[in-house]
Amino acid sequence: MDDKDLYWIWLSLLPKIGPRRYSELLREFKKPNNIWTASKEELCNVNYINSALADIILDEKYKNDANYAIENIIKNEIDTVCMDDADYPEYLKCIIDPPLVLYVKGKLKSDEKCIAIVGSRRASSYGIRMADKIAYDLSCSGLTVVSGMASGIDSAAHNAALRRGNRTIGIMGCGLDIVYPYENRGLMKNIISSGAAVSEFLPGTPPLPQHFPMRNRIISGMSLGVVIVEANEKSGSLITANYALEQGREVYAIPGNLSSRNSLGTNKLIREGAKIVTNIEDILEEMRFDDIVNVDRNIEYRENSQNNMFSGLDENERKIANELYIEPLHIDKLTEKTGLSMQVINAYLVTMELKRLVRQSPGKIFELNDT
């Protein structure tokens, strides 16, 4: 860790100094260490810095806090990436309020091309499959998947990128010494081994509700665009979509079942102008980079995911699973599509439920069990 990191961390910890004042201070003093040693008179000559704010900047408490933070960062084996570092993400640097310091486990690359995939924590099996498919296919194209490491859609997107053997980046709403949600501790380890876990919060910072909108602006800010897979009308994913629009990023939405609460937010985004996504070509056609690989993603995805999911099934079980892979179905419709008799379908569904391959919803609706 460089000595300069202390000054960047100190600057980021100062209260009541927002993006505009940070910009003015850095424009005037060039580097944080020059702000650290500035006099009150020099500070008060900067636009938007009055006597009270100058006193905050000069307060020794925050310098002591920064020194303590350095010790804690080192103890937790966390790296720091400051705004003037070569590996600070270029796209993130261009937003209105970029974090002065990123805390990182793993490795960031300043020039990598990222796509964000976010959605409901309480995702449906359809949402999980769509997140998995879109993330896998985009990874096949050479894009890095960014998400928030939450349950549901976020986890599905990260896992799909990891299954492809690609980098993925998880943005946290707490310190990197905390795994949230705790059940994702294995996922976090895998993300760090191939990509990066990132936070703007010091180690020890708990996952408080107000931290997640702050995290969401980083998710969108690092990315060329944001794909919303499932979201209700008050979802945090819609906050990410709004940040993306403010930052000049593309917003994409997966259409959903009109009767599902998880589709209210995504369908609303489409009505308001978000680009509808039916396959990844809807995304890639706007991202014409030489290093995006042109592969038959649908075939590759289908062969890998279905072979993994359906291994060990007999012929009739595979018929049923293939139909439910596309969408949940009423038992009558499932009988019609598979060509199997009602008696046979009933017997197989009971067996597949016991194997936890499928689950039944009210009204004799069956769907694949992704949990």
Protein backbone atom coordinates (compact mmCIF):
# COMPACT_ATOMS: atom_id res chain seq x y z
CA MET A 1 0.00 0.00 0.00
CA ASP A 2 1.44 3.38 -1.04
CA ASP A 3 1.69 6.34 1.34
CA LYS A 4 -0.58 8.29 -1.01
CA ASP A 5 -3.43 5.87 -0.22
CA LEU A 6 -3.58 7.35 3.29
CA TYR A 7 -4.39 10.78 1.85
CA TRP A 8 -7.06 9.46 -0.52
CA ILE A 9 -8.69 7.46 2.27
CA TRP A 10 -8.58 10.49 4.57
CA LEU A 11 -10.21 12.68 1.90
CA SER A 12 -12.95 10.09 1.34
CA LEU A 13 -13.75 10.00 5.08
CA LEU A 14 -14.34 13.74 5.48
CA PRO A 15 -18.02 14.48 6.21
CA LYS A 16 -20.02 17.14 4.35
CA ILE A 17 -17.54 17.21 1.45
CA GLY A 18 -19.49 16.02 -1.56
CA PRO A 19 -18.46 15.43 -5.21
CA ARG A 20 -18.49 19.12 -6.15
CA ARG A 21 -16.21 20.09 -3.27
CA TYR A 22 -13.90 17.13 -3.87
CA SER A 23 -13.56 18.26 -7.48
CA GLU A 24 -12.81 21.86 -6.49
CA LEU A 25 -10.26 20.79 -3.88
CA LEU A 26 -8.47 18.47 -6.29
CA ARG A 27 -8.57 21.08 -9.05
CA GLU A 28 -6.92 23.59 -6.74
CA PHE A 29 -4.43 21.33 -4.89
CA LYS A 30 -3.93 18.59 -7.54
CA LYS A 31 -3.34 15.80 -5.00
CA PRO A 32 -4.90 14.84 -1.63
CA ASN A 33 -1.57 15.16 0.21
CA ASN A 34 -1.51 18.85 -0.71
CA ILE A 35 -4.99 19.25 0.81
CA TRP A 36 -3.75 17.43 3.94
CA THR A 37 -1.02 20.05 4.49
CA ALA A 38 -3.03 23.13 3.39
CA SER A 39 -3.70 26.01 5.77
CA LYS A 40 -7.16 27.26 6.67
CA GLU A 41 -6.60 30.37 4.60
CA GLU A 42 -5.67 28.29 1.54
CA LEU A 43 -8.68 26.05 2.00
CA CYS A 44 -11.10 28.96 2.31
CA ASN A 45 -9.88 30.28 -1.04
CA VAL A 46 -11.39 27.23 -2.76
CA ASN A 47 -14.88 27.48 -4.24
CA TYR A 48 -17.62 26.04 -1.98
CA ILE A 49 -15.25 25.71 1.02
CA ASN A 50 -16.22 27.99 3.91
CA SER A 51 -14.69 28.37 7.35
CA ALA A 52 -16.75 25.55 8.91
CA LEU A 53 -15.80 23.11 6.15
CA ALA A 54 -12.15 24.14 6.39
CA ASP A 55 -12.27 23.30 10.12
CA ILE A 56 -13.58 19.82 9.26
CA ILE A 57 -10.73 19.31 6.81
CA LEU A 58 -8.19 20.43 9.41
CA ASP A 59 -9.67 18.31 12.22
CA GLU A 60 -7.04 15.83 13.42
CA LYS A 61 -9.77 13.31 14.20
CA TYR A 62 -10.20 12.41 10.54
CA LYS A 63 -6.47 12.05 10.03
CA ASN A 64 -6.37 9.64 12.96
CA ASP A 65 -9.38 7.79 11.52
CA ALA A 66 -7.54 7.38 8.22
CA ASN A 67 -4.47 5.94 9.95
CA TYR A 68 -6.65 3.47 11.83
CA ALA A 69 -8.44 2.56 8.59
CA ILE A 70 -5.10 1.75 6.93
CA GLU A 71 -4.26 -0.68 9.74
CA ASN A 72 -7.66 -2.38 9.41
CA ILE A 73 -7.38 -2.63 5.62
CA ILE A 74 -3.97 -4.30 5.88
CA LYS A 75 -5.20 -6.66 8.61
CA ASN A 76 -8.07 -7.80 6.40
CA GLU A 77 -5.79 -8.23 3.33
CA ILE A 78 -7.79 -5.74 1.27
CA ASP A 79 -6.29 -3.73 -1.57
CA THR A 80 -7.07 -0.08 -2.28
CA VAL A 81 -7.58 1.40 -5.72
CA CYS A 82 -7.58 5.21 -5.69
CA MET A 83 -8.85 7.53 -8.41
CA ASP A 84 -5.37 8.23 -9.74
CA ASP A 85 -4.34 4.55 -9.89
CA ALA A 86 -3.86 2.89 -13.27
CA ASP A 87 -6.34 0.10 -12.50
CA TYR A 88 -9.20 2.39 -11.42
CA PRO A 89 -12.10 1.59 -13.83
CA GLU A 90 -12.22 4.17 -16.60
CA TYR A 91 -16.00 4.10 -17.03
CA LEU A 92 -16.55 4.60 -13.29
CA LYS A 93 -14.19 7.57 -13.25
CA CYS A 94 -16.50 9.37 -15.70
CA ILE A 95 -19.64 9.48 -13.52
CA ILE A 96 -20.64 12.58 -11.54
CA ASP A 97 -19.78 11.13 -8.13
CA PRO A 98 -17.13 8.39 -8.47
CA PRO A 99 -15.79 6.90 -5.23
CA LEU A 100 -12.42 8.39 -4.35
CA VAL A 101 -11.26 4.98 -3.12
CA LEU A 102 -12.34 1.45 -4.00
CA TYR A 103 -11.58 -1.39 -1.61
CA VAL A 104 -10.85 -4.54 -3.55
CA LYS A 105 -10.29 -8.25 -3.08
CA GLY A 106 -9.15 -9.77 -6.34
CA LYS A 107 -8.07 -7.71 -9.32
CA LEU A 108 -9.60 -4.78 -11.22
CA LYS A 109 -8.75 -3.89 -14.81
CA SER A 110 -9.22 -0.29 -15.83
CA ASP A 111 -10.13 -0.96 -19.46
CA GLU A 112 -12.33 -4.06 -19.29
CA LYS A 113 -15.78 -3.87 -20.83
CA CYS A 114 -18.48 -4.70 -18.31
CA ILE A 115 -22.21 -5.33 -18.43
CA ALA A 116 -24.35 -5.21 -15.28
CA ILE A 117 -27.08 -7.78 -14.65
CA VAL A 118 -29.36 -7.13 -11.67
CA GLY A 119 -32.80 -8.10 -10.45
CA SER A 120 -34.99 -9.45 -7.70
CA ARG A 121 -33.62 -11.20 -4.65
CA ARG A 122 -36.80 -13.32 -4.65
CA ALA A 123 -36.49 -14.37 -8.24
CA SER A 124 -38.74 -16.87 -9.99
CA SER A 125 -37.32 -19.92 -11.74
CA TYR A 126 -37.91 -18.07 -15.02
CA GLY A 127 -35.87 -15.10 -13.76
CA ILE A 128 -33.04 -17.34 -12.58
CA ARG A 129 -32.89 -19.09 -15.95
CA MET A 130 -32.93 -15.81 -17.86
CA ALA A 131 -30.18 -14.30 -15.69
CA ASP A 132 -28.13 -17.46 -16.12
CA LYS A 133 -28.60 -17.50 -19.88
CA ILE A 134 -27.93 -13.81 -20.48
CA ALA A 135 -24.87 -13.77 -18.19
CA TYR A 136 -23.44 -16.93 -19.72
CA ASP A 137 -23.94 -15.71 -23.29
CA LEU A 138 -22.49 -12.27 -22.55
CA SER A 139 -19.48 -13.94 -20.93
CA CYS A 140 -19.05 -15.97 -24.12
CA SER A 141 -18.82 -12.63 -25.91
CA GLY A 142 -15.91 -11.39 -23.83
CA LEU A 143 -17.84 -9.04 -21.53
CA THR A 144 -17.33 -9.03 -17.76
CA VAL A 145 -20.52 -9.47 -15.74
CA VAL A 146 -20.99 -7.00 -12.88
CA SER A 147 -23.66 -7.44 -10.22
CA GLY A 148 -24.38 -6.87 -6.54
CA MET A 149 -23.76 -10.37 -5.15
CA ALA A 150 -27.26 -10.46 -3.65
CA SER A 151 -29.47 -13.55 -3.60
CA GLY A 152 -31.58 -14.38 -6.64
CA ILE A 153 -30.77 -12.73 -9.96
CA ASP A 154 -27.38 -11.30 -8.90
CA SER A 155 -26.10 -14.68 -7.71
CA ALA A 156 -27.37 -16.42 -10.85
CA ALA A 157 -25.52 -13.91 -13.05
CA HIS A 158 -22.26 -14.27 -11.13
CA ASN A 159 -22.46 -18.06 -11.13
CA ALA A 160 -23.12 -18.21 -14.87
CA ALA A 161 -20.02 -16.12 -15.61
CA LEU A 162 -17.96 -18.31 -13.29
CA ARG A 163 -19.29 -21.46 -14.95
CA ARG A 164 -18.12 -20.04 -18.28
CA GLY A 165 -14.67 -19.56 -16.70
CA ASN A 166 -14.78 -15.77 -17.03
CA ARG A 167 -14.19 -12.86 -14.71
CA THR A 168 -17.09 -11.40 -12.78
CA ILE A 169 -17.18 -8.43 -10.39
CA GLY A 170 -19.34 -8.24 -7.26
CA ILE A 171 -20.10 -4.79 -5.82
CA MET A 172 -20.81 -4.87 -2.09
CA GLY A 173 -22.92 -2.63 0.13
CA CYS A 174 -20.73 -3.31 3.17
CA GLY A 175 -17.08 -3.78 4.09
CA LEU A 176 -15.23 -6.60 2.34
CA ASP A 177 -14.55 -8.37 5.63
CA ILE A 178 -18.30 -9.08 5.78
CA VAL A 179 -20.07 -11.57 3.51
CA TYR A 180 -23.62 -10.45 2.78
CA PRO A 181 -25.73 -12.46 2.40
CA TYR A 182 -23.75 -14.98 4.44
CA GLU A 183 -24.87 -17.94 2.33
CA ASN A 184 -22.90 -16.40 -0.56
CA ARG A 185 -19.54 -16.88 1.17
CA GLY A 186 -18.58 -19.60 -1.35
CA LEU A 187 -19.67 -17.39 -4.24
CA MET A 188 -17.64 -14.47 -2.91
CA LYS A 189 -14.55 -16.67 -2.68
CA ASN A 190 -15.00 -17.80 -6.29
CA ILE A 191 -15.58 -14.24 -7.50
CA ILE A 192 -12.36 -13.07 -5.84
CA SER A 193 -10.34 -15.94 -7.32
CA SER A 194 -11.22 -15.01 -10.91
CA GLY A 195 -12.43 -11.40 -10.76
CA ALA A 196 -12.98 -8.97 -7.92
CA ALA A 197 -15.18 -8.11 -4.96
CA VAL A 198 -15.39 -4.32 -4.65
CA SER A 199 -16.74 -1.84 -2.10
CA GLU A 200 -16.41 1.86 -1.35
CA PHE A 201 -16.99 1.06 2.34
CA LEU A 202 -14.21 0.44 4.85
CA PRO A 203 -13.87 -2.99 6.46
CA GLY A 204 -16.23 -3.31 9.39
CA THR A 205 -18.99 -1.32 7.68
CA PRO A 206 -22.29 -3.25 8.09
CA PRO A 207 -24.78 -3.80 5.22
CA LEU A 208 -27.15 -0.94 6.11
CA PRO A 209 -30.13 -0.17 3.83
CA GLN A 210 -28.77 3.25 2.82
CA HIS A 211 -25.58 1.67 1.50
CA PHE A 212 -27.25 -0.24 -1.32
CA PRO A 213 -28.32 2.71 -3.47
CA MET A 214 -24.72 3.94 -3.18
CA ARG A 215 -23.53 0.52 -4.29
CA ASN A 216 -25.98 0.56 -7.21
CA ARG A 217 -24.43 3.69 -8.75
CA ILE A 218 -21.09 1.82 -8.87
CA ILE A 219 -22.69 -1.21 -10.53
CA SER A 220 -24.06 0.95 -13.32
CA GLY A 221 -21.08 3.30 -13.38
CA MET A 222 -18.60 0.50 -14.12
CA SER A 223 -20.75 -0.87 -16.93
CA LEU A 224 -21.59 -0.10 -20.54
CA GLY A 225 -25.19 -0.99 -19.82
CA VAL A 226 -27.51 -2.52 -17.24
CA VAL A 227 -29.78 -5.52 -17.83
CA ILE A 228 -32.77 -5.72 -15.46
CA VAL A 229 -34.04 -9.30 -15.36
CA GLU A 230 -36.82 -9.21 -12.75
CA ALA A 231 -37.93 -6.30 -10.59
CA ASN A 232 -41.10 -5.25 -8.82
CA GLU A 233 -42.27 -1.64 -8.80
CA LYS A 234 -40.18 -0.68 -5.75
CA SER A 235 -37.11 -2.79 -6.51
CA GLY A 236 -33.59 -1.57 -5.86
CA SER A 237 -32.85 -2.70 -9.41
CA LEU A 238 -34.91 0.24 -10.66
CA ILE A 239 -32.60 2.52 -8.68
CA THR A 240 -29.72 0.98 -10.63
CA ALA A 241 -31.62 1.60 -13.87
CA ASN A 242 -32.15 5.27 -12.93
CA TYR A 243 -28.46 5.68 -12.13
CA ALA A 244 -27.62 4.13 -15.50
CA LEU A 245 -29.80 6.66 -17.30
CA GLU A 246 -28.23 9.56 -15.37
CA GLN A 247 -24.78 8.23 -16.24
CA GLY A 248 -25.58 7.88 -19.94
CA ARG A 249 -25.56 4.08 -19.88
CA GLU A 250 -27.94 1.80 -21.79
CA VAL A 251 -30.83 0.18 -19.92
CA TYR A 252 -32.12 -3.21 -21.05
CA ALA A 253 -35.04 -5.17 -19.61
CA ILE A 254 -36.18 -8.78 -19.87
CA PRO A 255 -39.95 -8.93 -20.47
CA GLY A 256 -41.86 -10.94 -17.90
CA ASN A 257 -45.18 -12.55 -17.11
CA LEU A 258 -47.88 -9.87 -16.93
CA SER A 259 -49.41 -11.52 -13.85
CA SER A 260 -46.13 -11.65 -11.89
CA ARG A 261 -45.22 -8.92 -9.38
CA ASN A 262 -41.57 -9.52 -10.29
CA SER A 263 -42.32 -8.33 -13.82
CA LEU A 264 -44.05 -5.07 -12.93
CA GLY A 265 -40.81 -3.11 -12.77
CA THR A 266 -39.20 -4.58 -15.88
CA ASN A 267 -42.35 -4.23 -17.99
CA LYS A 268 -42.68 -0.63 -16.80
CA LEU A 269 -39.09 0.06 -17.88
CA ILE A 270 -39.89 -1.29 -21.34
CA ARG A 271 -42.95 0.96 -21.57
CA GLU A 272 -40.76 3.92 -20.62
CA GLY A 273 -38.17 3.21 -23.31
CA ALA A 274 -35.77 0.59 -21.99
CA LYS A 275 -34.59 -1.73 -24.74
CA ILE A 276 -36.41 -5.06 -24.66
CA VAL A 277 -34.09 -8.07 -24.59
CA THR A 278 -35.13 -11.35 -26.19
CA ASN A 279 -31.56 -12.57 -26.77
CA ILE A 280 -28.11 -11.12 -26.31
CA GLU A 281 -27.96 -9.84 -29.88
CA ASP A 282 -30.35 -7.13 -28.67
CA ILE A 283 -27.50 -6.01 -26.39
CA LEU A 284 -24.45 -6.72 -28.52
CA GLU A 285 -25.69 -4.91 -31.62
CA GLU A 286 -25.07 -1.64 -29.74
CA MET A 287 -21.61 -2.74 -28.53
CA ARG A 288 -19.52 -3.12 -31.65
CA PHE A 289 -16.07 -3.76 -30.26
CA ASP A 290 -13.38 -5.67 -32.10
CA ASP A 291 -12.68 -7.93 -29.13
CA ILE A 292 -16.27 -9.11 -28.68
CA VAL A 293 -16.30 -12.70 -29.87
CA ASN A 294 -18.87 -13.78 -32.44
CA VAL A 295 -19.96 -17.24 -31.31
CA ASP A 296 -23.16 -19.20 -31.55
CA ARG A 297 -24.00 -18.38 -27.95
CA ASN A 298 -27.48 -19.88 -27.90
CA ILE A 299 -26.24 -23.32 -28.98
CA GLU A 300 -23.28 -23.23 -26.61
CA TYR A 301 -25.43 -22.12 -23.69
CA ARG A 302 -28.19 -24.59 -24.43
CA GLU A 303 -25.81 -27.54 -24.68
CA ASN A 304 -23.93 -26.69 -21.49
CA SER A 305 -26.80 -25.67 -19.24
CA GLN A 306 -29.34 -28.26 -20.32
CA ASN A 307 -26.82 -31.09 -20.31
CA ASN A 308 -25.84 -30.16 -16.75
CA MET A 309 -29.43 -29.71 -15.60
CA PHE A 310 -30.90 -32.79 -17.30
CA SER A 311 -28.10 -35.31 -16.77
CA GLY A 312 -29.38 -38.62 -15.41
CA LEU A 313 -32.99 -38.13 -16.55
CA ASP A 314 -34.82 -40.77 -18.54
CA GLU A 315 -36.53 -39.95 -21.84
CA ASN A 316 -39.91 -38.92 -20.39
CA GLU A 317 -38.35 -36.89 -17.57
CA ARG A 318 -36.25 -35.06 -20.16
CA LYS A 319 -39.37 -34.32 -22.24
CA ILE A 320 -41.07 -32.78 -19.23
CA ALA A 321 -37.96 -30.85 -18.14
CA ASN A 322 -37.40 -29.49 -21.65
CA GLU A 323 -40.90 -27.98 -21.71
CA LEU A 324 -40.64 -26.56 -18.18
CA TYR A 325 -37.21 -25.13 -19.02
CA ILE A 326 -38.97 -22.72 -21.38
CA GLU A 327 -41.76 -21.66 -19.00
CA PRO A 328 -43.94 -22.90 -16.10
CA LEU A 329 -46.93 -24.86 -17.40
CA HIS A 330 -50.33 -26.06 -16.25
CA ILE A 331 -50.49 -29.83 -16.13
CA ASP A 332 -52.99 -29.90 -19.04
CA LYS A 333 -50.67 -27.84 -21.22
CA LEU A 334 -47.71 -30.02 -20.19
CA THR A 335 -49.65 -33.11 -21.27
CA GLU A 336 -50.42 -31.49 -24.61
CA LYS A 337 -46.84 -30.40 -25.30
CA THR A 338 -45.12 -33.66 -24.29
CA GLY A 339 -47.70 -36.01 -25.85
CA LEU A 340 -47.71 -38.08 -22.67
CA SER A 341 -50.94 -39.26 -21.06
CA MET A 342 -52.28 -37.59 -17.93
CA GLN A 343 -51.63 -40.76 -15.95
CA VAL A 344 -47.99 -40.90 -17.05
CA ILE A 345 -47.47 -37.17 -16.50
CA ASN A 346 -48.89 -37.38 -12.97
CA ALA A 347 -46.64 -40.29 -12.06
CA TYR A 348 -43.52 -38.58 -13.40
CA LEU A 349 -44.31 -35.24 -11.77
CA VAL A 350 -44.66 -36.90 -8.37
CA THR A 351 -41.28 -38.58 -8.85
CA MET A 352 -39.64 -35.39 -10.11
CA GLU A 353 -41.03 -33.42 -7.16
CA LEU A 354 -39.54 -35.97 -4.78
CA LYS A 355 -36.20 -35.54 -6.57
CA ARG A 356 -36.63 -31.74 -6.19
CA LEU A 357 -36.41 -31.34 -9.95
CA VAL A 358 -39.78 -29.59 -10.23
CA ARG A 359 -42.16 -27.80 -7.92
CA GLN A 360 -45.87 -27.20 -8.03
CA SER A 361 -47.53 -23.81 -7.64
CA PRO A 362 -51.23 -23.26 -6.87
CA GLY A 363 -53.53 -24.14 -9.76
CA LYS A 364 -51.55 -27.21 -10.91
CA ILE A 365 -48.79 -25.05 -12.41
CA PHE A 366 -45.41 -26.78 -12.57
CA GLU A 367 -41.96 -25.26 -12.97
CA LEU A 368 -38.34 -26.34 -12.73
CA ASN A 369 -36.89 -26.11 -9.26
CA ASP A 370 -33.71 -24.00 -9.50
CA THR A 371 -32.98 -23.89 -5.78
